[in-house]
């Protein structure tokens, strides 16, 4: 519960991993989340970015092949109301 920063690098999370991360109340005090690698897909990103357990996030860094999905969802200011910094890298834009 005292964890404030979580960096996940080169871990193939996938949609199930995104949902598991989002559902874990242990991460309720995170203020910074960095995900580098993996493809969460729409369902995984939607779970992470709308999770009540991650509402304290101030910064998110995304380096994935589906970064465009995360960027699109981050445009909804209601999802992460405290977010002050977002870095989005990579991804396929269509």
Protein backbone atom coordinates (compact mmCIF):
# COMPACT_ATOMS: atom_id res chain seq x y z
CA UNK A 1 0.00 0.00 0.00
CA UNK A 2 2.95 2.39 0.40
CA UNK A 3 4.06 1.89 -3.21
CA UNK A 4 3.95 5.21 -5.09
CA UNK A 5 5.71 4.38 -8.38
CA UNK A 6 5.35 1.25 -10.49
CA UNK A 7 7.46 0.66 -13.59
CA UNK A 8 6.68 -2.40 -15.69
CA UNK A 9 9.32 -2.87 -18.37
CA UNK A 10 9.36 -5.61 -21.01
CA UNK A 11 6.56 -7.53 -19.32
CA UNK A 12 3.95 -8.95 -21.73
CA UNK A 13 0.91 -7.83 -19.74
CA UNK A 14 -1.78 -8.31 -22.36
CA UNK A 15 -5.46 -7.50 -21.72
CA UNK A 16 -5.69 -9.91 -18.76
CA UNK A 17 -2.62 -8.32 -17.16
CA UNK A 18 -4.13 -4.87 -17.60
CA UNK A 19 -7.35 -5.99 -15.93
CA UNK A 20 -5.39 -7.64 -13.09
CA UNK A 21 -3.36 -4.47 -12.53
CA UNK A 22 -6.52 -2.38 -12.51
CA UNK A 23 -8.33 -4.67 -10.08
CA UNK A 24 -5.56 -4.78 -7.47
CA UNK A 25 -6.30 -2.45 -4.52
CA UNK A 26 -2.63 -2.65 -3.48
CA UNK A 27 -1.95 -0.05 -6.18
CA UNK A 28 -4.42 2.47 -4.74
CA UNK A 29 -1.69 4.91 -3.71
CA UNK A 30 0.26 4.90 -6.97
CA UNK A 31 1.05 8.35 -8.31
CA UNK A 32 3.22 7.24 -11.24
CA UNK A 33 2.77 4.29 -13.58
CA UNK A 34 5.11 3.36 -16.42
CA UNK A 35 4.28 0.55 -18.84
CA UNK A 36 6.97 -0.34 -21.37
CA UNK A 37 6.09 -3.28 -23.57
CA UNK A 38 3.16 -5.59 -23.85
CA UNK A 39 -0.08 -4.96 -25.69
CA UNK A 40 -2.97 -4.30 -23.37
CA UNK A 41 -5.46 -3.67 -26.15
CA UNK A 42 -8.63 -1.66 -25.77
CA UNK A 43 -10.02 -3.81 -22.93
CA UNK A 44 -6.79 -3.74 -20.93
CA UNK A 45 -6.23 0.00 -21.32
CA UNK A 46 -9.87 0.76 -20.55
CA UNK A 47 -9.57 -1.29 -17.34
CA UNK A 48 -6.33 0.42 -16.28
CA UNK A 49 -7.37 3.97 -17.10
CA UNK A 50 -10.83 3.68 -15.56
CA UNK A 51 -9.79 1.75 -12.45
CA UNK A 52 -10.94 3.21 -9.13
CA UNK A 53 -7.71 1.76 -7.70
CA UNK A 54 -5.59 4.03 -9.91
CA UNK A 55 -7.45 7.31 -9.42
CA UNK A 56 -4.48 8.86 -7.59
CA UNK A 57 -2.19 8.69 -10.63
CA UNK A 58 -0.44 11.98 -11.35
CA UNK A 59 1.78 10.68 -14.16
CA UNK A 60 1.64 7.87 -16.67
CA UNK A 61 4.29 6.83 -19.18
CA UNK A 62 3.30 4.48 -21.98
CA UNK A 63 5.75 2.79 -24.36
CA UNK A 64 3.76 0.09 -26.16
CA UNK A 65 2.67 -1.00 -29.60
CA UNK A 66 -0.87 0.04 -28.76
CA UNK A 67 -0.02 3.45 -27.30
CA UNK A 68 -2.56 5.07 -29.61
CA UNK A 69 -5.34 3.26 -27.73
CA UNK A 70 -4.05 4.62 -24.41
CA UNK A 71 -3.69 8.12 -25.86
CA UNK A 72 -7.26 8.10 -27.12
CA UNK A 73 -8.63 6.99 -23.76
CA UNK A 74 -6.53 9.56 -21.89
CA UNK A 75 -8.45 12.29 -23.70
CA UNK A 76 -11.35 11.52 -21.37
CA UNK A 77 -10.53 13.76 -18.39
CA UNK A 78 -13.03 11.91 -16.20
CA UNK A 79 -10.95 8.71 -16.20
CA UNK A 80 -7.92 9.99 -14.27
CA UNK A 81 -8.96 13.30 -12.71
CA UNK A 82 -5.63 13.91 -10.92
CA UNK A 83 -3.43 13.17 -13.94
CA UNK A 84 -0.90 15.95 -14.55
CA UNK A 85 1.58 14.28 -16.90
CA UNK A 86 1.22 11.73 -19.69
CA UNK A 87 4.01 10.55 -21.97
CA UNK A 88 2.90 8.36 -24.85
CA UNK A 89 5.52 6.68 -27.08
CA UNK A 90 5.33 4.20 -29.93
CA UNK A 91 2.30 2.44 -31.19
CA UNK A 92 0.56 2.00 -34.46
CA UNK A 93 -1.62 4.90 -35.57
CA UNK A 94 -4.31 4.12 -38.09
